[in-house]
Amino acid sequence: MLAYAQMTDTRMLALLGDPEADAYELLFSFNSSDNKAEFLRLLRSNHATDCEDEMILVPIQKEIEDAQPLFKVLPRDVFHQATLIAATLTGGQTGMVQ
């Protein structure tokens, strides 16, 4: 998800969903309806990320206001691992629609 966001200039922020369960909510802001549709297609194409439509919600204004960059919300090791994976998948290229 992070690699796709970086490649398409999609904005990605996070909220701590449930501190006891280490659960996070990810918020995405797409620069086009085509990028949003492709993102949803990618999510559904993998059994690990496939989810029901009910799990994809439009955040309320308070959630949008409280959302922060990933590095401020995720544990440091998780953020670094996700960044490394995204860089590997994109070949270090960002802001490019393929």
PDB file of N, CA and C in Angstrom:
ATOM      1  N   MET A   1       0.825  -1.184   0.000  1.00  0.00           N
ATOM      2  CA  MET A   1       0.000   0.000   0.000  1.00  0.00           C
ATOM      3  C   MET A   1       0.875   1.255   0.000  1.00  0.00           C
ATOM      4  N   LEU A   2       1.940   1.216   0.803  1.00  0.00           N
ATOM      5  CA  LEU A   2       2.845   2.363   0.856  1.00  0.00           C
ATOM      6  C   LEU A   2       3.554   2.546  -0.481  1.00  0.00           C
ATOM      7  N   ALA A   3       3.990   1.468  -1.107  1.00  0.00           N
ATOM      8  CA  ALA A   3       4.665   1.568  -2.406  1.00  0.00           C
ATOM      9  C   ALA A   3       3.728   2.172  -3.443  1.00  0.00           C
ATOM     10  N   TYR A   4       2.486   1.720  -3.482  1.00  0.00           N
ATOM     11  CA  TYR A   4       1.527   2.275  -4.436  1.00  0.00           C
ATOM     12  C   TYR A   4       1.302   3.761  -4.157  1.00  0.00           C
ATOM     13  N   ALA A   5       1.159   4.106  -2.900  1.00  0.00           N
ATOM     14  CA  ALA A   5       0.952   5.511  -2.543  1.00  0.00           C
ATOM     15  C   ALA A   5       2.129   6.362  -3.011  1.00  0.00           C
ATOM     16  N   GLN A   6       3.324   5.881  -2.809  1.00  0.00           N
ATOM     17  CA  GLN A   6       4.500   6.642  -3.224  1.00  0.00           C
ATOM     18  C   GLN A   6       4.579   6.765  -4.742  1.00  0.00           C
ATOM     19  N   MET A   7       4.251   5.722  -5.447  1.00  0.00           N
ATOM     20  CA  MET A   7       4.353   5.741  -6.908  1.00  0.00           C
ATOM     21  C   MET A   7       3.302   6.621  -7.567  1.00  0.00           C
ATOM     22  N   THR A   8       2.178   6.829  -6.910  1.00  0.00           N
ATOM     23  CA  THR A   8       1.076   7.569  -7.530  1.00  0.00           C
ATOM     24  C   THR A   8       0.792   8.901  -6.855  1.00  0.00           C
ATOM     25  N   ASP A   9       1.667   9.353  -5.997  1.00  0.00           N
ATOM     26  CA  ASP A   9       1.474  10.610  -5.275  1.00  0.00           C
ATOM     27  C   ASP A   9       0.175  10.605  -4.469  1.00  0.00           C
ATOM     28  N   THR A  10      -0.178   9.422  -3.956  1.00  0.00           N
ATOM     29  CA  THR A  10      -1.333   9.276  -3.084  1.00  0.00           C
ATOM     30  C   THR A  10      -0.891   9.643  -1.670  1.00  0.00           C
ATOM     31  N   ARG A  11      -1.689  10.401  -0.974  1.00  0.00           N
ATOM     32  CA  ARG A  11      -1.364  10.775   0.397  1.00  0.00           C
ATOM     33  C   ARG A  11      -1.817   9.661   1.334  1.00  0.00           C
ATOM     34  N   MET A  12      -0.940   9.311   2.272  1.00  0.00           N
ATOM     35  CA  MET A  12      -1.221   8.226   3.210  1.00  0.00           C
ATOM     36  C   MET A  12      -0.893   8.701   4.618  1.00  0.00           C
ATOM     37  N   LEU A  13      -1.893   8.656   5.492  1.00  0.00           N
ATOM     38  CA  LEU A  13      -1.724   9.035   6.894  1.00  0.00           C
ATOM     39  C   LEU A  13      -2.222   7.897   7.764  1.00  0.00           C
ATOM     40  N   ALA A  14      -1.944   7.976   9.060  1.00  0.00           N
ATOM     41  CA  ALA A  14      -2.327   6.879   9.955  1.00  0.00           C
ATOM     42  C   ALA A  14      -2.872   7.407  11.275  1.00  0.00           C
ATOM     43  N   LEU A  15      -3.655   6.551  11.899  1.00  0.00           N
ATOM     44  CA  LEU A  15      -4.185   6.772  13.249  1.00  0.00           C
ATOM     45  C   LEU A  15      -3.972   5.492  14.043  1.00  0.00           C
ATOM     46  N   LEU A  16      -3.758   5.625  15.324  1.00  0.00           N
ATOM     47  CA  LEU A  16      -3.708   4.455  16.185  1.00  0.00           C
ATOM     48  C   LEU A  16      -5.141   4.036  16.444  1.00  0.00           C
ATOM     49  N   GLY A  17      -5.508   2.832  15.966  1.00  0.00           N
ATOM     50  CA  GLY A  17      -6.881   2.358  16.088  1.00  0.00           C
ATOM     51  C   GLY A  17      -7.175   1.753  17.448  1.00  0.00           C
ATOM     52  N   ASP A  18      -6.337   0.811  17.874  1.00  0.00           N
ATOM     53  CA  ASP A  18      -6.518   0.130  19.149  1.00  0.00           C
ATOM     54  C   ASP A  18      -5.136  -0.108  19.743  1.00  0.00           C
ATOM     55  N   PRO A  19      -4.738   0.714  20.711  1.00  0.00           N
ATOM     56  CA  PRO A  19      -3.390   0.604  21.270  1.00  0.00           C
ATOM     57  C   PRO A  19      -3.074  -0.774  21.856  1.00  0.00           C
ATOM     58  N   GLU A  20      -4.048  -1.426  22.447  1.00  0.00           N
ATOM     59  CA  GLU A  20      -3.807  -2.724  23.072  1.00  0.00           C
ATOM     60  C   GLU A  20      -3.582  -3.825  22.042  1.00  0.00           C
ATOM     61  N   ALA A  21      -4.120  -3.648  20.837  1.00  0.00           N
ATOM     62  CA  ALA A  21      -3.998  -4.668  19.802  1.00  0.00           C
ATOM     63  C   ALA A  21      -2.967  -4.270  18.737  1.00  0.00           C
ATOM     64  N   ASP A  22      -2.273  -3.160  18.943  1.00  0.00           N
ATOM     65  CA  ASP A  22      -1.352  -2.644  17.925  1.00  0.00           C
ATOM     66  C   ASP A  22      -2.044  -2.558  16.570  1.00  0.00           C
ATOM     67  N   ALA A  23      -3.263  -2.014  16.573  1.00  0.00           N
ATOM     68  CA  ALA A  23      -4.039  -1.865  15.341  1.00  0.00           C
ATOM     69  C   ALA A  23      -3.993  -0.411  14.883  1.00  0.00           C
ATOM     70  N   TYR A  24      -3.836  -0.238  13.592  1.00  0.00           N
ATOM     71  CA  TYR A  24      -3.712   1.095  13.025  1.00  0.00           C
ATOM     72  C   TYR A  24      -4.740   1.280  11.925  1.00  0.00           C
ATOM     73  N   GLU A  25      -5.165   2.508  11.742  1.00  0.00           N
ATOM     74  CA  GLU A  25      -6.064   2.850  10.651  1.00  0.00           C
ATOM     75  C   GLU A  25      -5.268   3.676   9.662  1.00  0.00           C
ATOM     76  N   LEU A  26      -5.363   3.307   8.391  1.00  0.00           N
ATOM     77  CA  LEU A  26      -4.647   4.015   7.348  1.00  0.00           C
ATOM     78  C   LEU A  26      -5.637   4.824   6.532  1.00  0.00           C
ATOM     79  N   LEU A  27      -5.307   6.075   6.293  1.00  0.00           N
ATOM     80  CA  LEU A  27      -6.152   6.973   5.508  1.00  0.00           C
ATOM     81  C   LEU A  27      -5.426   7.304   4.218  1.00  0.00           C
ATOM     82  N   PHE A  28      -6.133   7.215   3.101  1.00  0.00           N
ATOM     83  CA  PHE A  28      -5.559   7.480   1.791  1.00  0.00           C
ATOM     84  C   PHE A  28      -6.334   8.595   1.115  1.00  0.00           C
ATOM     85  N   SER A  29      -5.619   9.456   0.434  1.00  0.00           N
ATOM     86  CA  SER A  29      -6.227  10.522  -0.358  1.00  0.00           C
ATOM     87  C   SER A  29      -5.647  10.410  -1.763  1.00  0.00           C
ATOM     88  N   PHE A  30      -6.498  10.093  -2.727  1.00  0.00           N
ATOM     89  CA  PHE A  30      -6.061   9.824  -4.092  1.00  0.00           C
ATOM     90  C   PHE A  30      -6.159  11.082  -4.949  1.00  0.00           C
ATOM     91  N   ASN A  31      -5.237  11.197  -5.892  1.00  0.00           N
ATOM     92  CA  ASN A  31      -5.244  12.363  -6.772  1.00  0.00           C
ATOM     93  C   ASN A  31      -6.097  12.148  -8.017  1.00  0.00           C
ATOM     94  N   SER A  32      -6.664  10.947  -8.166  1.00  0.00           N
ATOM     95  CA  SER A  32      -7.574  10.696  -9.282  1.00  0.00           C
ATOM     96  C   SER A  32      -8.456   9.493  -8.954  1.00  0.00           C
ATOM     97  N   SER A  33      -9.602   9.452  -9.583  1.00  0.00           N
ATOM     98  CA  SER A  33     -10.497   8.306  -9.373  1.00  0.00           C
ATOM     99  C   SER A  33      -9.893   7.043  -9.984  1.00  0.00           C
ATOM    100  N   ASP A  34      -9.089   7.182 -11.033  1.00  0.00           N
ATOM    101  CA  ASP A  34      -8.414   6.017 -11.617  1.00  0.00           C
ATOM    102  C   ASP A  34      -7.422   5.407 -10.629  1.00  0.00           C
ATOM    103  N   ASN A  35      -6.656   6.256  -9.927  1.00  0.00           N
ATOM    104  CA  ASN A  35      -5.710   5.740  -8.932  1.00  0.00           C
ATOM    105  C   ASN A  35      -6.432   5.061  -7.780  1.00  0.00           C
ATOM    106  N   LYS A  36      -7.561   5.601  -7.391  1.00  0.00           N
ATOM    107  CA  LYS A  36      -8.348   4.973  -6.324  1.00  0.00           C
ATOM    108  C   LYS A  36      -8.855   3.601  -6.773  1.00  0.00           C
ATOM    109  N   ALA A  37      -9.382   3.517  -7.976  1.00  0.00           N
ATOM    110  CA  ALA A  37      -9.896   2.246  -8.496  1.00  0.00           C
ATOM    111  C   ALA A  37      -8.776   1.217  -8.609  1.00  0.00           C
ATOM    112  N   GLU A  38      -7.603   1.632  -9.084  1.00  0.00           N
ATOM    113  CA  GLU A  38      -6.471   0.717  -9.207  1.00  0.00           C
ATOM    114  C   GLU A  38      -6.005   0.247  -7.832  1.00  0.00           C
ATOM    115  N   PHE A  39      -5.983   1.150  -6.858  1.00  0.00           N
ATOM    116  CA  PHE A  39      -5.598   0.798  -5.498  1.00  0.00           C
ATOM    117  C   PHE A  39      -6.543  -0.266  -4.938  1.00  0.00           C
ATOM    118  N   LEU A  40      -7.837  -0.069  -5.101  1.00  0.00           N
ATOM    119  CA  LEU A  40      -8.819  -1.042  -4.604  1.00  0.00           C
ATOM    120  C   LEU A  40      -8.672  -2.377  -5.331  1.00  0.00           C
ATOM    121  N   ARG A  41      -8.368  -2.345  -6.629  1.00  0.00           N
ATOM    122  CA  ARG A  41      -8.149  -3.573  -7.382  1.00  0.00           C
ATOM    123  C   ARG A  41      -6.929  -4.321  -6.829  1.00  0.00           C
ATOM    124  N   LEU A  42      -5.853  -3.581  -6.541  1.00  0.00           N
ATOM    125  CA  LEU A  42      -4.660  -4.204  -5.977  1.00  0.00           C
ATOM    126  C   LEU A  42      -4.947  -4.827  -4.606  1.00  0.00           C
ATOM    127  N   LEU A  43      -5.705  -4.120  -3.773  1.00  0.00           N
ATOM    128  CA  LEU A  43      -6.062  -4.670  -2.464  1.00  0.00           C
ATOM    129  C   LEU A  43      -6.797  -5.994  -2.614  1.00  0.00           C
ATOM    130  N   ARG A  44      -7.732  -6.031  -3.534  1.00  0.00           N
ATOM    131  CA  ARG A  44      -8.566  -7.220  -3.700  1.00  0.00           C
ATOM    132  C   ARG A  44      -7.855  -8.358  -4.427  1.00  0.00           C
ATOM    133  N   SER A  45      -6.726  -8.079  -5.039  1.00  0.00           N
ATOM    134  CA  SER A  45      -6.019  -9.099  -5.807  1.00  0.00           C
ATOM    135  C   SER A  45      -5.143 -10.004  -4.942  1.00  0.00           C
ATOM    136  N   ASN A  46      -5.001  -9.673  -3.669  1.00  0.00           N
ATOM    137  CA  ASN A  46      -4.125 -10.433  -2.775  1.00  0.00           C
ATOM    138  C   ASN A  46      -4.952 -10.932  -1.598  1.00  0.00           C
ATOM    139  N   HIS A  47      -4.867 -12.215  -1.304  1.00  0.00           N
ATOM    140  CA  HIS A  47      -5.687 -12.760  -0.207  1.00  0.00           C
ATOM    141  C   HIS A  47      -5.349 -12.129   1.144  1.00  0.00           C
ATOM    142  N   ALA A  48      -4.124 -11.655   1.326  1.00  0.00           N
ATOM    143  CA  ALA A  48      -3.734 -11.051   2.608  1.00  0.00           C
ATOM    144  C   ALA A  48      -4.325  -9.654   2.786  1.00  0.00           C
ATOM    145  N   THR A  49      -4.594  -8.952   1.685  1.00  0.00           N
ATOM    146  CA  THR A  49      -5.114  -7.583   1.795  1.00  0.00           C
ATOM    147  C   THR A  49      -6.559  -7.463   1.327  1.00  0.00           C
ATOM    148  N   ASP A  50      -7.108  -8.532   0.791  1.00  0.00           N
ATOM    149  CA  ASP A  50      -8.491  -8.487   0.331  1.00  0.00           C
ATOM    150  C   ASP A  50      -9.408  -8.226   1.525  1.00  0.00           C
ATOM    151  N   CYS A  51     -10.339  -7.337   1.351  1.00  0.00           N
ATOM    152  CA  CYS A  51     -11.249  -7.010   2.443  1.00  0.00           C
ATOM    153  C   CYS A  51     -12.634  -6.705   1.887  1.00  0.00           C
ATOM    154  N   GLU A  52     -13.580  -6.810   2.751  1.00  0.00           N
ATOM    155  CA  GLU A  52     -14.951  -6.508   2.387  1.00  0.00           C
ATOM    156  C   GLU A  52     -15.119  -4.998   2.228  1.00  0.00           C
ATOM    157  N   ASP A  53     -16.058  -4.595   1.403  1.00  0.00           N
ATOM    158  CA  ASP A  53     -16.300  -3.169   1.195  1.00  0.00           C
ATOM    159  C   ASP A  53     -16.646  -2.446   2.498  1.00  0.00           C
ATOM    160  N   GLU A  54     -17.250  -3.176   3.453  1.00  0.00           N
ATOM    161  CA  GLU A  54     -17.625  -2.560   4.725  1.00  0.00           C
ATOM    162  C   GLU A  54     -16.399  -2.142   5.542  1.00  0.00           C
ATOM    163  N   MET A  55     -15.234  -2.718   5.233  1.00  0.00           N
ATOM    164  CA  MET A  55     -14.016  -2.377   5.970  1.00  0.00           C
ATOM    165  C   MET A  55     -13.357  -1.112   5.424  1.00  0.00           C
ATOM    166  N   ILE A  56     -13.766  -0.691   4.240  1.00  0.00           N
ATOM    167  CA  ILE A  56     -13.209   0.512   3.628  1.00  0.00           C
ATOM    168  C   ILE A  56     -14.198   1.638   3.901  1.00  0.00           C
ATOM    169  N   LEU A  57     -13.810   2.511   4.803  1.00  0.00           N
ATOM    170  CA  LEU A  57     -14.701   3.557   5.270  1.00  0.00           C
ATOM    171  C   LEU A  57     -14.191   4.939   4.900  1.00  0.00           C
ATOM    172  N   VAL A  58     -15.102   5.867   4.794  1.00  0.00           N
ATOM    173  CA  VAL A  58     -14.735   7.267   4.630  1.00  0.00           C
ATOM    174  C   VAL A  58     -14.550   7.826   6.035  1.00  0.00           C
ATOM    175  N   PRO A  59     -13.381   8.376   6.332  1.00  0.00           N
ATOM    176  CA  PRO A  59     -13.140   8.875   7.688  1.00  0.00           C
ATOM    177  C   PRO A  59     -13.993  10.103   8.007  1.00  0.00           C
ATOM    178  N   ILE A  60     -14.299  10.253   9.284  1.00  0.00           N
ATOM    179  CA  ILE A  60     -15.003  11.450   9.716  1.00  0.00           C
ATOM    180  C   ILE A  60     -13.981  12.590   9.846  1.00  0.00           C
ATOM    181  N   GLN A  61     -14.449  13.809   9.920  1.00  0.00           N
ATOM    182  CA  GLN A  61     -13.564  14.975   9.952  1.00  0.00           C
ATOM    183  C   GLN A  61     -12.553  14.910  11.095  1.00  0.00           C
ATOM    184  N   LYS A  62     -12.973  14.448  12.257  1.00  0.00           N
ATOM    185  CA  LYS A  62     -12.066  14.353  13.413  1.00  0.00           C
ATOM    186  C   LYS A  62     -10.917  13.396  13.127  1.00  0.00           C
ATOM    187  N   GLU A  63     -11.211  12.273  12.468  1.00  0.00           N
ATOM    188  CA  GLU A  63     -10.149  11.318  12.113  1.00  0.00           C
ATOM    189  C   GLU A  63      -9.165  11.943  11.129  1.00  0.00           C
ATOM    190  N   ILE A  64      -9.681  12.669  10.176  1.00  0.00           N
ATOM    191  CA  ILE A  64      -8.812  13.346   9.212  1.00  0.00           C
ATOM    192  C   ILE A  64      -7.911  14.346   9.921  1.00  0.00           C
ATOM    193  N   GLU A  65      -8.476  15.103  10.835  1.00  0.00           N
ATOM    194  CA  GLU A  65      -7.699  16.107  11.573  1.00  0.00           C
ATOM    195  C   GLU A  65      -6.654  15.465  12.477  1.00  0.00           C
ATOM    196  N   ASP A  66      -6.958  14.297  13.036  1.00  0.00           N
ATOM    197  CA  ASP A  66      -6.043  13.612  13.956  1.00  0.00           C
ATOM    198  C   ASP A  66      -4.988  12.765  13.248  1.00  0.00           C
ATOM    199  N   ALA A  67      -5.197  12.461  11.988  1.00  0.00           N
ATOM    200  CA  ALA A  67      -4.268  11.606  11.252  1.00  0.00           C
ATOM    201  C   ALA A  67      -2.899  12.271  11.128  1.00  0.00           C
ATOM    202  N   GLN A  68      -1.865  11.432  11.166  1.00  0.00           N
ATOM    203  CA  GLN A  68      -0.489  11.924  11.113  1.00  0.00           C
ATOM    204  C   GLN A  68       0.318  11.090  10.124  1.00  0.00           C
ATOM    205  N   PRO A  69       1.485  11.581   9.736  1.00  0.00           N
ATOM    206  CA  PRO A  69       2.361  10.773   8.881  1.00  0.00           C
ATOM    207  C   PRO A  69       2.697   9.445   9.555  1.00  0.00           C
ATOM    208  N   LEU A  70       2.950   8.442   8.742  1.00  0.00           N
ATOM    209  CA  LEU A  70       3.211   7.102   9.256  1.00  0.00           C
ATOM    210  C   LEU A  70       4.314   7.070  10.300  1.00  0.00           C
ATOM    211  N   PHE A  71       5.400   7.810  10.072  1.00  0.00           N
ATOM    212  CA  PHE A  71       6.535   7.751  10.992  1.00  0.00           C
ATOM    213  C   PHE A  71       6.198   8.265  12.385  1.00  0.00           C
ATOM    214  N   LYS A  72       5.128   9.033  12.513  1.00  0.00           N
ATOM    215  CA  LYS A  72       4.727   9.532  13.828  1.00  0.00           C
ATOM    216  C   LYS A  72       3.776   8.579  14.551  1.00  0.00           C
ATOM    217  N   VAL A  73       3.210   7.613  13.828  1.00  0.00           N
ATOM    218  CA  VAL A  73       2.196   6.731  14.408  1.00  0.00           C
ATOM    219  C   VAL A  73       2.699   5.299  14.570  1.00  0.00           C
ATOM    220  N   LEU A  74       3.328   4.777  13.545  1.00  0.00           N
ATOM    221  CA  LEU A  74       3.788   3.386  13.591  1.00  0.00           C
ATOM    222  C   LEU A  74       5.021   3.250  14.469  1.00  0.00           C
ATOM    223  N   PRO A  75       5.210   2.087  15.087  1.00  0.00           N
ATOM    224  CA  PRO A  75       6.460   1.842  15.798  1.00  0.00           C
ATOM    225  C   PRO A  75       7.635   1.999  14.824  1.00  0.00           C
ATOM    226  N   ARG A  76       8.733   2.481  15.329  1.00  0.00           N
ATOM    227  CA  ARG A  76       9.895   2.787  14.483  1.00  0.00           C
ATOM    228  C   ARG A  76      10.315   1.601  13.616  1.00  0.00           C
ATOM    229  N   ASP A  77      10.400   0.406  14.214  1.00  0.00           N
ATOM    230  CA  ASP A  77      10.843  -0.752  13.433  1.00  0.00           C
ATOM    231  C   ASP A  77       9.852  -1.115  12.327  1.00  0.00           C
ATOM    232  N   VAL A  78       8.567  -0.971  12.596  1.00  0.00           N
ATOM    233  CA  VAL A  78       7.546  -1.259  11.593  1.00  0.00           C
ATOM    234  C   VAL A  78       7.631  -0.242  10.461  1.00  0.00           C
ATOM    235  N   PHE A  79       7.786   1.026  10.807  1.00  0.00           N
ATOM    236  CA  PHE A  79       7.904   2.060   9.786  1.00  0.00           C
ATOM    237  C   PHE A  79       9.116   1.810   8.896  1.00  0.00           C
ATOM    238  N   HIS A  80      10.249   1.496   9.496  1.00  0.00           N
ATOM    239  CA  HIS A  80      11.459   1.254   8.709  1.00  0.00           C
ATOM    240  C   HIS A  80      11.301   0.042   7.796  1.00  0.00           C
ATOM    241  N   GLN A  81      10.695  -1.019   8.295  1.00  0.00           N
ATOM    242  CA  GLN A  81      10.486  -2.211   7.475  1.00  0.00           C
ATOM    243  C   GLN A  81       9.542  -1.899   6.312  1.00  0.00           C
ATOM    244  N   ALA A  82       8.448  -1.195   6.580  1.00  0.00           N
ATOM    245  CA  ALA A  82       7.499  -0.841   5.519  1.00  0.00           C
ATOM    246  C   ALA A  82       8.158   0.053   4.471  1.00  0.00           C
ATOM    247  N   THR A  83       8.976   0.994   4.912  1.00  0.00           N
ATOM    248  CA  THR A  83       9.679   1.890   3.985  1.00  0.00           C
ATOM    249  C   THR A  83      10.666   1.113   3.126  1.00  0.00           C
ATOM    250  N   LEU A  84      11.380   0.184   3.728  1.00  0.00           N
ATOM    251  CA  LEU A  84      12.333  -0.642   2.984  1.00  0.00           C
ATOM    252  C   LEU A  84      11.620  -1.488   1.933  1.00  0.00           C
ATOM    253  N   ILE A  85      10.525  -2.096   2.302  1.00  0.00           N
ATOM    254  CA  ILE A  85       9.757  -2.913   1.362  1.00  0.00           C
ATOM    255  C   ILE A  85       9.223  -2.050   0.225  1.00  0.00           C
ATOM    256  N   ALA A  86       8.672  -0.888   0.555  1.00  0.00           N
ATOM    257  CA  ALA A  86       8.146   0.012  -0.480  1.00  0.00           C
ATOM    258  C   ALA A  86       9.245   0.451  -1.433  1.00  0.00           C
ATOM    259  N   ALA A  87      10.413   0.777  -0.904  1.00  0.00           N
ATOM    260  CA  ALA A  87      11.534   1.188  -1.752  1.00  0.00           C
ATOM    261  C   ALA A  87      11.987   0.041  -2.647  1.00  0.00           C
ATOM    262  N   THR A  88      11.980  -1.169  -2.131  1.00  0.00           N
ATOM    263  CA  THR A  88      12.356  -2.339  -2.922  1.00  0.00           C
ATOM    264  C   THR A  88      11.358  -2.564  -4.055  1.00  0.00           C
ATOM    265  N   LEU A  89      10.076  -2.454  -3.738  1.00  0.00           N
ATOM    266  CA  LEU A  89       9.036  -2.676  -4.748  1.00  0.00           C
ATOM    267  C   LEU A  89       9.038  -1.615  -5.834  1.00  0.00           C
ATOM    268  N   THR A  90       9.369  -0.398  -5.489  1.00  0.00           N
ATOM    269  CA  THR A  90       9.332   0.695  -6.459  1.00  0.00           C
ATOM    270  C   THR A  90      10.684   0.963  -7.090  1.00  0.00           C
ATOM    271  N   GLY A  91      11.698   0.259  -6.659  1.00  0.00           N
ATOM    272  CA  GLY A  91      13.040   0.519  -7.177  1.00  0.00           C
ATOM    273  C   GLY A  91      13.542   1.880  -6.751  1.00  0.00           C
ATOM    274  N   GLY A  92      12.972   2.391  -5.645  1.00  0.00           N
ATOM    275  CA  GLY A  92      13.377   3.706  -5.145  1.00  0.00           C
ATOM    276  C   GLY A  92      12.723   4.860  -5.859  1.00  0.00           C
ATOM    277  N   GLN A  93      11.848   4.575  -6.841  1.00  0.00           N
ATOM    278  CA  GLN A  93      11.195   5.634  -7.601  1.00  0.00           C
ATOM    279  C   GLN A  93       9.885   6.007  -6.918  1.00  0.00           C
ATOM    280  N   THR A  94       9.628   7.293  -6.792  1.00  0.00           N
ATOM    281  CA  THR A  94       8.369   7.760  -6.210  1.00  0.00           C
ATOM    282  C   THR A  94       7.751   8.787  -7.138  1.00  0.00           C
ATOM    283  N   GLY A  95       6.453   8.987  -6.984  1.00  0.00           N
ATOM    284  CA  GLY A  95       5.754   9.992  -7.761  1.00  0.00           C
ATOM    285  C   GLY A  95       5.578   9.621  -9.226  1.00  0.00           C
ATOM    286  N   MET A  96       5.661   8.334  -9.551  1.00  0.00           N
ATOM    287  CA  MET A  96       5.528   7.901 -10.937  1.00  0.00           C
ATOM    288  C   MET A  96       4.323   6.987 -11.078  1.00  0.00           C
ATOM    289  N   VAL A  97       3.426   7.343 -11.959  1.00  0.00           N
ATOM    290  CA  VAL A  97       2.303   6.478 -12.264  1.00  0.00           C
ATOM    291  C   VAL A  97       2.738   5.530 -13.364  1.00  0.00           C
ATOM    292  N   GLN A  98       2.543   4.249 -13.165  1.00  0.00           N
ATOM    293  CA  GLN A  98       2.960   3.251 -14.157  1.00  0.00           C
ATOM    294  C   GLN A  98       1.790   2.817 -14.983  1.00  0.00           C
TER     295      GLN A  98
END
